[in-house]
């Protein structure tokens, strides 16, 4: 799943087309720039086949704005009591972020067993997620943070990892120069990385 930071709303339409042409079906637009919400609106209109989420959702207002812009899911880098409450009552599915065993337990108590693990590479990468599989057997993760095309398969090989997210598919320098053919190439490369079949 590409994690995208859009600085110019004008980039949203060609970006959406390039991702879709490259086989991407799910993408996250971070709410880190003033252009983010408008980018979500444009990308949903331009490539309706994309399942488009809003990332860096930090509070209930962010969640409401994301849903109003057309996001079909939301993701946070962490969790807090107020964010958990907003996620439970919110209009779209929410992937809470966790970094520790205690945060996983808090999310489970609130009824969430599909979680974002962030920042994955800095917190121990696949080895940490493998260790979590023992005490948290029913939890499924989407790790993000420091993941590359080279490391993604190591995460996807784990049974408790459903997907991975990364900005390597939409590098800031590539977006800044509007190189949509390169975005499509990177999207095709990422789409070819698949989760191994389980016997």
N, C-alpha and C. Protein backbone atom coordinates (compact mmCIF):
# COMPACT_ATOMS: atom_id res chain seq x y z
N UNK A 1 0.84 -1.18 0.00
CA UNK A 1 0.00 0.00 0.00
C UNK A 1 0.88 1.24 0.00
N UNK A 2 0.79 2.08 -1.02
CA UNK A 2 1.57 3.31 -1.02
C UNK A 2 1.09 4.27 0.06
N UNK A 3 2.03 4.86 0.76
CA UNK A 3 1.73 5.92 1.72
C UNK A 3 2.20 7.22 1.08
N UNK A 4 1.24 8.10 0.82
CA UNK A 4 1.47 9.24 -0.06
C UNK A 4 1.31 10.55 0.71
N UNK A 5 2.28 11.44 0.56
CA UNK A 5 2.16 12.79 1.08
C UNK A 5 2.07 13.73 -0.12
N UNK A 6 0.90 14.31 -0.31
CA UNK A 6 0.63 15.16 -1.47
C UNK A 6 0.79 16.62 -1.07
N UNK A 7 1.72 17.32 -1.73
CA UNK A 7 1.95 18.73 -1.44
C UNK A 7 1.19 19.65 -2.39
N UNK A 8 0.82 19.14 -3.56
CA UNK A 8 0.10 19.95 -4.54
C UNK A 8 -1.14 19.19 -5.01
N UNK A 9 -2.30 19.77 -4.82
CA UNK A 9 -3.54 19.12 -5.22
C UNK A 9 -3.55 18.82 -6.72
N UNK A 10 -2.83 19.63 -7.50
CA UNK A 10 -2.77 19.42 -8.95
C UNK A 10 -2.13 18.09 -9.31
N UNK A 11 -1.37 17.53 -8.41
CA UNK A 11 -0.73 16.24 -8.66
C UNK A 11 -1.69 15.06 -8.45
N UNK A 12 -2.80 15.30 -7.79
CA UNK A 12 -3.66 14.19 -7.35
C UNK A 12 -4.22 13.37 -8.51
N UNK A 13 -4.72 14.02 -9.55
CA UNK A 13 -5.35 13.28 -10.65
C UNK A 13 -4.34 12.40 -11.40
N UNK A 14 -3.21 12.95 -11.88
CA UNK A 14 -2.26 12.08 -12.58
C UNK A 14 -1.66 11.03 -11.66
N UNK A 15 -1.52 11.33 -10.38
CA UNK A 15 -1.02 10.36 -9.42
C UNK A 15 -1.98 9.19 -9.29
N UNK A 16 -3.25 9.49 -9.14
CA UNK A 16 -4.27 8.43 -9.03
C UNK A 16 -4.27 7.55 -10.26
N UNK A 17 -4.19 8.17 -11.45
CA UNK A 17 -4.19 7.39 -12.69
C UNK A 17 -2.96 6.49 -12.78
N UNK A 18 -1.80 7.02 -12.37
CA UNK A 18 -0.56 6.23 -12.44
C UNK A 18 -0.61 5.05 -11.48
N UNK A 19 -1.11 5.26 -10.27
CA UNK A 19 -1.20 4.17 -9.31
C UNK A 19 -2.15 3.08 -9.80
N UNK A 20 -3.31 3.50 -10.29
CA UNK A 20 -4.28 2.52 -10.79
C UNK A 20 -3.72 1.76 -11.99
N UNK A 21 -3.04 2.47 -12.90
CA UNK A 21 -2.45 1.81 -14.07
C UNK A 21 -1.37 0.81 -13.67
N UNK A 22 -0.71 1.08 -12.54
CA UNK A 22 0.32 0.18 -12.05
C UNK A 22 -0.19 -0.98 -11.23
N UNK A 23 -1.51 -1.07 -11.09
CA UNK A 23 -2.08 -2.21 -10.39
C UNK A 23 -2.36 -2.01 -8.92
N UNK A 24 -2.15 -0.80 -8.42
CA UNK A 24 -2.44 -0.52 -7.01
C UNK A 24 -3.95 -0.43 -6.81
N UNK A 25 -4.44 -1.08 -5.77
CA UNK A 25 -5.88 -1.06 -5.48
C UNK A 25 -6.21 -0.40 -4.15
N UNK A 26 -5.19 -0.23 -3.29
CA UNK A 26 -5.38 0.41 -1.98
C UNK A 26 -4.26 1.41 -1.77
N UNK A 27 -4.58 2.62 -1.32
CA UNK A 27 -3.56 3.64 -1.08
C UNK A 27 -3.96 4.50 0.11
N UNK A 28 -2.96 5.07 0.74
CA UNK A 28 -3.17 5.95 1.89
C UNK A 28 -2.61 7.33 1.57
N UNK A 29 -3.41 8.36 1.77
CA UNK A 29 -2.95 9.74 1.65
C UNK A 29 -2.84 10.31 3.06
N UNK A 30 -1.63 10.72 3.45
CA UNK A 30 -1.44 11.23 4.80
C UNK A 30 -2.02 12.64 4.93
N UNK A 31 -2.56 12.92 6.11
CA UNK A 31 -3.09 14.27 6.38
C UNK A 31 -1.98 15.14 6.96
N UNK A 32 -0.88 15.24 6.21
CA UNK A 32 0.28 16.01 6.68
C UNK A 32 0.45 17.33 5.97
N UNK A 33 -0.37 17.59 4.97
CA UNK A 33 -0.24 18.83 4.20
C UNK A 33 -1.61 19.46 4.00
N UNK A 34 -1.65 20.76 3.72
CA UNK A 34 -2.92 21.43 3.45
C UNK A 34 -3.64 20.87 2.23
N UNK A 35 -2.91 20.23 1.32
CA UNK A 35 -3.50 19.71 0.09
C UNK A 35 -4.14 18.32 0.26
N UNK A 36 -3.95 17.69 1.40
CA UNK A 36 -4.31 16.28 1.56
C UNK A 36 -5.79 15.99 1.32
N UNK A 37 -6.67 16.74 1.95
CA UNK A 37 -8.10 16.44 1.83
C UNK A 37 -8.59 16.66 0.40
N UNK A 38 -8.13 17.72 -0.23
CA UNK A 38 -8.53 17.96 -1.63
C UNK A 38 -7.96 16.87 -2.53
N UNK A 39 -6.76 16.40 -2.21
CA UNK A 39 -6.16 15.30 -2.99
C UNK A 39 -7.01 14.04 -2.88
N UNK A 40 -7.51 13.76 -1.71
CA UNK A 40 -8.38 12.58 -1.54
C UNK A 40 -9.63 12.73 -2.40
N UNK A 41 -10.24 13.91 -2.38
CA UNK A 41 -11.45 14.14 -3.19
C UNK A 41 -11.16 13.90 -4.68
N UNK A 42 -10.06 14.47 -5.15
CA UNK A 42 -9.71 14.36 -6.57
C UNK A 42 -9.36 12.92 -6.93
N UNK A 43 -8.58 12.26 -6.11
CA UNK A 43 -8.17 10.89 -6.41
C UNK A 43 -9.36 9.94 -6.42
N UNK A 44 -10.30 10.13 -5.53
CA UNK A 44 -11.51 9.29 -5.52
C UNK A 44 -12.30 9.47 -6.82
N UNK A 45 -12.37 10.71 -7.27
CA UNK A 45 -13.11 11.01 -8.50
C UNK A 45 -12.37 10.47 -9.73
N UNK A 46 -11.04 10.60 -9.72
CA UNK A 46 -10.24 10.25 -10.89
C UNK A 46 -10.04 8.74 -11.03
N UNK A 47 -9.95 8.05 -9.91
CA UNK A 47 -9.71 6.59 -9.93
C UNK A 47 -10.61 5.92 -8.89
N UNK A 48 -11.90 5.81 -9.20
CA UNK A 48 -12.84 5.26 -8.21
C UNK A 48 -12.54 3.81 -7.84
N UNK A 49 -11.72 3.13 -8.64
CA UNK A 49 -11.37 1.75 -8.31
C UNK A 49 -10.37 1.67 -7.16
N UNK A 50 -9.74 2.79 -6.81
CA UNK A 50 -8.81 2.82 -5.69
C UNK A 50 -9.57 2.85 -4.37
N UNK A 51 -9.19 1.96 -3.47
CA UNK A 51 -9.68 2.02 -2.09
C UNK A 51 -8.76 2.99 -1.37
N UNK A 52 -9.26 4.19 -1.12
CA UNK A 52 -8.41 5.30 -0.70
C UNK A 52 -8.63 5.63 0.77
N UNK A 53 -7.54 5.58 1.54
CA UNK A 53 -7.64 5.88 2.96
C UNK A 53 -6.92 7.17 3.31
N UNK A 54 -7.22 7.67 4.51
CA UNK A 54 -6.55 8.84 5.05
C UNK A 54 -5.64 8.40 6.17
N UNK A 55 -4.37 8.80 6.10
CA UNK A 55 -3.42 8.46 7.14
C UNK A 55 -3.08 9.66 8.01
N UNK A 56 -2.32 9.43 9.05
CA UNK A 56 -1.95 10.46 10.02
C UNK A 56 -3.20 11.11 10.61
N UNK A 57 -4.20 10.28 10.88
CA UNK A 57 -5.41 10.75 11.55
C UNK A 57 -5.12 10.78 13.05
N UNK A 58 -5.16 11.97 13.64
CA UNK A 58 -4.72 12.15 15.02
C UNK A 58 -5.86 12.39 16.01
N UNK A 59 -7.06 12.72 15.50
CA UNK A 59 -8.18 13.03 16.40
C UNK A 59 -9.50 12.86 15.67
N UNK A 60 -10.57 13.05 16.40
CA UNK A 60 -11.90 12.86 15.83
C UNK A 60 -12.21 13.81 14.69
N UNK A 61 -11.71 15.03 14.78
CA UNK A 61 -11.95 16.00 13.71
C UNK A 61 -11.27 15.56 12.42
N UNK A 62 -10.04 15.06 12.52
CA UNK A 62 -9.35 14.52 11.35
C UNK A 62 -10.18 13.40 10.71
N UNK A 63 -10.74 12.55 11.55
CA UNK A 63 -11.53 11.42 11.04
C UNK A 63 -12.77 11.92 10.30
N UNK A 64 -13.45 12.89 10.87
CA UNK A 64 -14.64 13.46 10.21
C UNK A 64 -14.27 14.10 8.88
N UNK A 65 -13.19 14.87 8.88
CA UNK A 65 -12.77 15.53 7.64
C UNK A 65 -12.39 14.51 6.57
N UNK A 66 -11.72 13.45 6.98
CA UNK A 66 -11.31 12.42 6.03
C UNK A 66 -12.52 11.75 5.40
N UNK A 67 -13.50 11.41 6.23
CA UNK A 67 -14.72 10.76 5.71
C UNK A 67 -15.47 11.70 4.77
N UNK A 68 -15.55 12.97 5.13
CA UNK A 68 -16.24 13.95 4.29
C UNK A 68 -15.54 14.11 2.94
N UNK A 69 -14.22 13.96 2.93
CA UNK A 69 -13.45 14.10 1.69
C UNK A 69 -13.57 12.87 0.80
N UNK A 70 -14.10 11.78 1.35
CA UNK A 70 -14.29 10.58 0.55
C UNK A 70 -13.38 9.42 0.88
N UNK A 71 -12.59 9.56 1.95
CA UNK A 71 -11.74 8.43 2.37
C UNK A 71 -12.63 7.25 2.76
N UNK A 72 -12.20 6.05 2.39
CA UNK A 72 -13.01 4.86 2.72
C UNK A 72 -12.49 4.14 3.96
N UNK A 73 -11.33 4.57 4.47
CA UNK A 73 -10.83 4.07 5.74
C UNK A 73 -9.85 5.10 6.28
N UNK A 74 -9.48 4.93 7.57
CA UNK A 74 -8.56 5.87 8.20
C UNK A 74 -7.50 5.10 8.97
N UNK A 75 -6.32 5.73 9.11
CA UNK A 75 -5.19 5.11 9.80
C UNK A 75 -4.53 6.16 10.69
N UNK A 76 -4.15 5.74 11.89
CA UNK A 76 -3.43 6.64 12.79
C UNK A 76 -2.04 6.09 13.08
N UNK A 77 -1.09 6.95 13.45
CA UNK A 77 0.23 6.46 13.80
C UNK A 77 0.30 5.88 15.21
N UNK A 78 -0.71 6.17 16.02
CA UNK A 78 -0.74 5.69 17.40
C UNK A 78 -2.17 5.64 17.89
N UNK A 79 -2.34 5.59 19.21
CA UNK A 79 -3.69 5.57 19.77
C UNK A 79 -3.72 6.38 21.05
N UNK A 80 -4.93 6.83 21.37
CA UNK A 80 -5.20 7.54 22.62
C UNK A 80 -6.64 7.22 22.99
N UNK A 81 -7.03 7.44 24.24
CA UNK A 81 -8.43 7.15 24.61
C UNK A 81 -9.44 7.89 23.74
N UNK A 82 -9.19 9.17 23.44
CA UNK A 82 -10.15 9.92 22.62
C UNK A 82 -10.17 9.42 21.19
N UNK A 83 -9.02 9.01 20.68
CA UNK A 83 -8.97 8.50 19.31
C UNK A 83 -9.66 7.15 19.21
N UNK A 84 -9.50 6.32 20.22
CA UNK A 84 -10.21 5.04 20.25
C UNK A 84 -11.71 5.27 20.24
N UNK A 85 -12.17 6.24 21.03
CA UNK A 85 -13.61 6.55 21.07
C UNK A 85 -14.09 7.03 19.71
N UNK A 86 -13.30 7.89 19.06
CA UNK A 86 -13.68 8.38 17.73
C UNK A 86 -13.70 7.24 16.72
N UNK A 87 -12.74 6.34 16.81
CA UNK A 87 -12.68 5.21 15.88
C UNK A 87 -13.88 4.29 16.06
N UNK A 88 -14.30 4.07 17.30
CA UNK A 88 -15.43 3.16 17.56
C UNK A 88 -16.75 3.74 17.04
N UNK A 89 -16.88 5.06 17.06
CA UNK A 89 -18.13 5.67 16.62
C UNK A 89 -18.03 6.30 15.24
N UNK A 90 -16.87 6.21 14.62
CA UNK A 90 -16.64 6.90 13.36
C UNK A 90 -17.37 6.31 12.17
N UNK A 91 -17.43 7.07 11.08
CA UNK A 91 -18.22 6.68 9.91
C UNK A 91 -17.50 5.70 8.97
N UNK A 92 -16.18 5.51 9.16
CA UNK A 92 -15.42 4.63 8.26
C UNK A 92 -14.52 3.73 9.10
N UNK A 93 -14.09 2.58 8.54
CA UNK A 93 -13.18 1.70 9.27
C UNK A 93 -11.89 2.41 9.65
N UNK A 94 -11.34 2.02 10.80
CA UNK A 94 -10.18 2.71 11.36
C UNK A 94 -9.12 1.69 11.75
N UNK A 95 -7.86 1.96 11.33
CA UNK A 95 -6.72 1.14 11.70
C UNK A 95 -5.87 1.93 12.69
N UNK A 96 -5.97 1.56 13.97
CA UNK A 96 -5.22 2.25 15.01
C UNK A 96 -3.75 1.83 14.96
N UNK A 97 -2.86 2.75 15.27
CA UNK A 97 -1.45 2.46 15.30
C UNK A 97 -0.99 2.02 16.67
N UNK A 98 -0.08 1.04 16.71
CA UNK A 98 0.50 0.56 17.96
C UNK A 98 2.01 0.39 17.78
N UNK A 99 2.71 0.45 18.93
CA UNK A 99 4.16 0.25 18.91
C UNK A 99 4.62 -0.72 19.98
N UNK A 100 3.76 -1.01 20.96
CA UNK A 100 4.16 -1.84 22.10
C UNK A 100 3.09 -2.89 22.42
N UNK A 101 3.49 -3.87 23.24
CA UNK A 101 2.54 -4.88 23.69
C UNK A 101 1.40 -4.26 24.50
N UNK A 102 1.72 -3.26 25.31
CA UNK A 102 0.69 -2.61 26.11
C UNK A 102 -0.35 -1.91 25.22
N UNK A 103 0.12 -1.28 24.15
CA UNK A 103 -0.82 -0.62 23.24
C UNK A 103 -1.67 -1.64 22.49
N UNK A 104 -1.09 -2.77 22.13
CA UNK A 104 -1.88 -3.84 21.51
C UNK A 104 -2.97 -4.30 22.46
N UNK A 105 -2.64 -4.48 23.73
CA UNK A 105 -3.63 -4.90 24.72
C UNK A 105 -4.73 -3.87 24.87
N UNK A 106 -4.37 -2.59 24.86
CA UNK A 106 -5.36 -1.51 24.95
C UNK A 106 -6.30 -1.54 23.75
N UNK A 107 -5.74 -1.74 22.56
CA UNK A 107 -6.57 -1.82 21.35
C UNK A 107 -7.50 -3.02 21.41
N UNK A 108 -6.98 -4.16 21.86
CA UNK A 108 -7.82 -5.36 21.98
C UNK A 108 -8.96 -5.15 22.96
N UNK A 109 -8.68 -4.51 24.07
CA UNK A 109 -9.74 -4.21 25.05
C UNK A 109 -10.84 -3.36 24.43
N UNK A 110 -10.46 -2.50 23.50
CA UNK A 110 -11.43 -1.61 22.84
C UNK A 110 -12.14 -2.30 21.67
N UNK A 111 -11.72 -3.53 21.34
CA UNK A 111 -12.38 -4.27 20.27
C UNK A 111 -11.70 -4.22 18.92
N UNK A 112 -10.44 -3.76 18.88
CA UNK A 112 -9.71 -3.66 17.61
C UNK A 112 -8.64 -4.75 17.55
N UNK A 113 -8.71 -5.61 16.53
CA UNK A 113 -7.68 -6.65 16.39
C UNK A 113 -6.96 -6.59 15.04
N UNK A 114 -7.24 -5.55 14.25
CA UNK A 114 -6.48 -5.25 13.03
C UNK A 114 -5.80 -3.90 13.28
N UNK A 115 -4.46 -3.90 13.31
CA UNK A 115 -3.72 -2.73 13.78
C UNK A 115 -2.56 -2.38 12.85
N UNK A 116 -2.18 -1.12 12.90
CA UNK A 116 -0.97 -0.67 12.22
C UNK A 116 0.19 -0.79 13.21
N UNK A 117 1.33 -1.30 12.74
CA UNK A 117 2.54 -1.37 13.56
C UNK A 117 3.51 -0.33 13.02
N UNK A 118 3.79 0.69 13.84
CA UNK A 118 4.55 1.85 13.37
C UNK A 118 5.41 2.42 14.49
N UNK A 119 6.66 2.84 14.18
CA UNK A 119 7.40 2.66 12.92
C UNK A 119 8.07 1.30 12.89
N UNK A 120 7.70 0.48 11.95
CA UNK A 120 8.02 -0.95 11.96
C UNK A 120 9.51 -1.24 11.99
N UNK A 121 10.27 -0.68 11.07
CA UNK A 121 11.68 -1.05 11.00
C UNK A 121 12.45 -0.58 12.24
N UNK A 122 12.07 0.56 12.77
CA UNK A 122 12.75 1.09 13.94
C UNK A 122 12.39 0.32 15.22
N UNK A 123 11.27 -0.40 15.20
CA UNK A 123 10.80 -1.13 16.39
C UNK A 123 11.13 -2.62 16.35
N UNK A 124 11.96 -3.03 15.41
CA UNK A 124 12.36 -4.43 15.38
C UNK A 124 11.92 -5.19 14.16
N UNK A 125 11.15 -4.56 13.28
CA UNK A 125 10.80 -5.16 12.00
C UNK A 125 10.09 -6.50 12.11
N UNK A 126 10.34 -7.39 11.15
CA UNK A 126 9.66 -8.69 11.14
C UNK A 126 9.88 -9.50 12.41
N UNK A 127 11.05 -9.36 13.03
CA UNK A 127 11.33 -10.12 14.25
C UNK A 127 10.38 -9.71 15.37
N UNK A 128 10.11 -8.40 15.50
CA UNK A 128 9.18 -7.94 16.53
C UNK A 128 7.77 -8.45 16.26
N UNK A 129 7.33 -8.40 15.02
CA UNK A 129 5.99 -8.89 14.69
C UNK A 129 5.88 -10.39 14.90
N UNK A 130 6.93 -11.11 14.61
CA UNK A 130 6.93 -12.55 14.86
C UNK A 130 6.79 -12.83 16.35
N UNK A 131 7.44 -12.05 17.18
CA UNK A 131 7.33 -12.21 18.63
C UNK A 131 5.92 -11.90 19.13
N UNK A 132 5.28 -10.90 18.53
CA UNK A 132 3.91 -10.55 18.92
C UNK A 132 2.91 -11.66 18.60
N UNK A 133 3.23 -12.51 17.64
CA UNK A 133 2.29 -13.55 17.21
C UNK A 133 1.96 -14.52 18.33
N UNK A 134 2.89 -14.73 19.25
CA UNK A 134 2.64 -15.66 20.36
C UNK A 134 1.55 -15.19 21.30
N UNK A 135 1.76 -14.07 21.99
CA UNK A 135 0.74 -13.61 22.94
C UNK A 135 -0.49 -12.99 22.29
N UNK A 136 -0.37 -12.56 21.04
CA UNK A 136 -1.49 -11.87 20.38
C UNK A 136 -1.86 -12.60 19.09
N UNK A 137 -2.24 -13.87 19.24
CA UNK A 137 -2.44 -14.75 18.09
C UNK A 137 -3.53 -14.26 17.15
N UNK A 138 -4.53 -13.56 17.65
CA UNK A 138 -5.64 -13.17 16.77
C UNK A 138 -5.45 -11.80 16.12
N UNK A 139 -4.36 -11.11 16.47
CA UNK A 139 -4.14 -9.77 15.93
C UNK A 139 -3.45 -9.85 14.57
N UNK A 140 -3.96 -9.05 13.63
CA UNK A 140 -3.34 -8.92 12.30
C UNK A 140 -2.81 -7.50 12.15
N UNK A 141 -1.66 -7.39 11.49
CA UNK A 141 -0.97 -6.11 11.42
C UNK A 141 -0.76 -5.63 9.98
N UNK A 142 -0.70 -4.30 9.87
CA UNK A 142 -0.20 -3.62 8.67
C UNK A 142 1.00 -2.80 9.12
N UNK A 143 2.21 -3.33 8.96
CA UNK A 143 3.38 -2.57 9.36
C UNK A 143 3.71 -1.46 8.35
N UNK A 144 4.15 -0.32 8.87
CA UNK A 144 4.63 0.78 8.03
C UNK A 144 5.79 1.45 8.76
N UNK A 145 6.59 2.17 8.02
CA UNK A 145 7.71 2.88 8.60
C UNK A 145 9.03 2.22 8.28
N UNK A 146 9.73 2.76 7.29
CA UNK A 146 11.04 2.24 6.92
C UNK A 146 11.00 0.98 6.07
N UNK A 147 9.84 0.63 5.54
CA UNK A 147 9.72 -0.57 4.71
C UNK A 147 10.04 -0.21 3.27
N UNK A 148 10.72 -1.12 2.59
CA UNK A 148 11.13 -0.92 1.20
C UNK A 148 10.66 -2.09 0.36
N UNK A 149 10.88 -1.99 -0.94
CA UNK A 149 10.55 -3.10 -1.83
C UNK A 149 11.35 -4.34 -1.45
N UNK A 150 12.57 -4.14 -0.96
CA UNK A 150 13.43 -5.27 -0.58
C UNK A 150 12.97 -5.93 0.72
N UNK A 151 12.50 -5.14 1.68
CA UNK A 151 12.12 -5.71 2.97
C UNK A 151 10.66 -6.14 3.05
N UNK A 152 9.81 -5.64 2.16
CA UNK A 152 8.38 -5.97 2.21
C UNK A 152 8.10 -7.47 2.23
N UNK A 153 8.78 -8.29 1.38
CA UNK A 153 8.49 -9.73 1.40
C UNK A 153 8.74 -10.40 2.74
N UNK A 154 9.72 -9.89 3.52
CA UNK A 154 9.99 -10.47 4.83
C UNK A 154 8.82 -10.27 5.78
N UNK A 155 8.17 -9.12 5.68
CA UNK A 155 6.99 -8.86 6.49
C UNK A 155 5.81 -9.71 6.02
N UNK A 156 5.61 -9.74 4.70
CA UNK A 156 4.45 -10.45 4.15
C UNK A 156 4.53 -11.96 4.37
N UNK A 157 5.73 -12.48 4.64
CA UNK A 157 5.88 -13.91 4.91
C UNK A 157 5.32 -14.29 6.28
N UNK A 158 5.07 -13.30 7.14
CA UNK A 158 4.56 -13.58 8.48
C UNK A 158 3.05 -13.80 8.44
N UNK A 159 2.54 -14.81 9.15
CA UNK A 159 1.10 -15.07 9.12
C UNK A 159 0.26 -13.98 9.77
N UNK A 160 0.84 -13.17 10.66
CA UNK A 160 0.06 -12.11 11.31
C UNK A 160 0.16 -10.76 10.59
N UNK A 161 0.76 -10.75 9.40
CA UNK A 161 0.84 -9.53 8.59
C UNK A 161 -0.07 -9.68 7.37
N UNK A 162 -1.04 -8.77 7.27
CA UNK A 162 -1.99 -8.81 6.14
C UNK A 162 -1.50 -8.00 4.95
N UNK A 163 -0.81 -6.90 5.22
CA UNK A 163 -0.33 -6.02 4.16
C UNK A 163 0.79 -5.17 4.73
N UNK A 164 1.50 -4.46 3.87
CA UNK A 164 2.51 -3.50 4.31
C UNK A 164 2.25 -2.17 3.61
N UNK A 165 2.74 -1.11 4.24
CA UNK A 165 2.63 0.20 3.63
C UNK A 165 3.98 0.86 3.56
N UNK A 166 4.20 1.66 2.52
CA UNK A 166 5.47 2.34 2.40
C UNK A 166 5.43 3.49 1.41
N UNK A 167 6.34 4.44 1.63
CA UNK A 167 6.41 5.60 0.74
C UNK A 167 7.36 5.37 -0.42
N UNK A 168 7.98 4.18 -0.48
CA UNK A 168 8.91 3.92 -1.59
C UNK A 168 8.19 3.89 -2.93
N UNK A 169 6.90 3.67 -2.94
CA UNK A 169 6.12 3.60 -4.18
C UNK A 169 5.88 5.00 -4.75
N UNK A 170 5.84 5.99 -3.87
CA UNK A 170 5.60 7.38 -4.28
C UNK A 170 6.64 8.29 -3.63
N UNK A 171 7.92 8.17 -4.02
CA UNK A 171 8.97 8.99 -3.40
C UNK A 171 8.70 10.48 -3.58
N UNK A 172 8.95 11.28 -2.55
CA UNK A 172 8.69 12.73 -2.65
C UNK A 172 9.33 13.39 -3.86
N UNK A 173 10.56 13.01 -4.18
CA UNK A 173 11.25 13.65 -5.32
C UNK A 173 10.56 13.32 -6.64
N UNK A 174 10.04 12.10 -6.76
CA UNK A 174 9.35 11.69 -7.98
C UNK A 174 8.03 12.45 -8.11
N UNK A 175 7.32 12.60 -7.00
CA UNK A 175 6.06 13.37 -7.04
C UNK A 175 6.34 14.84 -7.34
N UNK A 176 7.38 15.38 -6.75
CA UNK A 176 7.69 16.81 -6.94
C UNK A 176 7.95 17.14 -8.41
N UNK A 177 8.59 16.22 -9.13
CA UNK A 177 8.86 16.51 -10.53
C UNK A 177 7.77 16.00 -11.47
N UNK A 178 6.72 15.40 -10.90
CA UNK A 178 5.59 14.95 -11.71
C UNK A 178 5.93 13.82 -12.66
N UNK A 179 6.76 12.91 -12.22
CA UNK A 179 7.18 11.79 -13.07
C UNK A 179 6.20 10.63 -12.89
N UNK A 180 5.06 10.73 -13.58
CA UNK A 180 3.99 9.76 -13.37
C UNK A 180 4.31 8.41 -13.99
N UNK A 181 5.15 8.36 -15.00
CA UNK A 181 5.56 7.08 -15.55
C UNK A 181 6.41 6.31 -14.55
N UNK A 182 7.22 7.03 -13.79
CA UNK A 182 8.02 6.37 -12.75
C UNK A 182 7.13 5.89 -11.61
N UNK A 183 6.11 6.65 -11.26
CA UNK A 183 5.15 6.20 -10.24
C UNK A 183 4.46 4.92 -10.72
N UNK A 184 4.07 4.90 -11.97
CA UNK A 184 3.42 3.69 -12.50
C UNK A 184 4.38 2.50 -12.46
N UNK A 185 5.65 2.73 -12.81
CA UNK A 185 6.63 1.64 -12.77
C UNK A 185 6.81 1.10 -11.35
N UNK A 186 6.94 2.01 -10.40
CA UNK A 186 7.10 1.60 -9.00
C UNK A 186 5.85 0.90 -8.49
N UNK A 187 4.69 1.36 -8.94
CA UNK A 187 3.43 0.72 -8.55
C UNK A 187 3.35 -0.71 -9.08
N UNK A 188 3.79 -0.90 -10.33
CA UNK A 188 3.79 -2.25 -10.90
C UNK A 188 4.74 -3.18 -10.12
N UNK A 189 5.89 -2.62 -9.77
CA UNK A 189 6.87 -3.39 -8.99
C UNK A 189 6.27 -3.79 -7.64
N UNK A 190 5.61 -2.84 -6.98
CA UNK A 190 5.01 -3.12 -5.68
C UNK A 190 3.85 -4.11 -5.80
N UNK A 191 3.07 -3.98 -6.85
CA UNK A 191 1.92 -4.88 -7.04
C UNK A 191 2.35 -6.32 -7.24
N UNK A 192 3.57 -6.50 -7.72
CA UNK A 192 4.09 -7.85 -7.96
C UNK A 192 4.56 -8.54 -6.68
N UNK A 193 4.68 -7.76 -5.58
CA UNK A 193 5.07 -8.34 -4.30
C UNK A 193 3.82 -8.90 -3.64
N UNK A 194 3.75 -10.21 -3.54
CA UNK A 194 2.54 -10.82 -3.01
C UNK A 194 2.83 -11.61 -1.74
N UNK A 195 1.79 -11.81 -0.98
CA UNK A 195 1.90 -12.58 0.26
C UNK A 195 1.99 -14.05 -0.11
N UNK A 196 2.94 -14.80 0.44
CA UNK A 196 3.05 -16.21 0.11
C UNK A 196 1.79 -16.99 0.50
N UNK A 197 1.42 -17.94 -0.33
CA UNK A 197 0.26 -18.78 -0.02
C UNK A 197 0.58 -19.70 1.15
N UNK A 198 -0.40 -19.87 2.01
CA UNK A 198 -0.24 -20.77 3.17
C UNK A 198 -0.73 -22.15 2.80
N UNK A 199 0.00 -23.22 3.21
CA UNK A 199 -0.45 -24.58 2.89
C UNK A 199 -1.73 -24.93 3.62
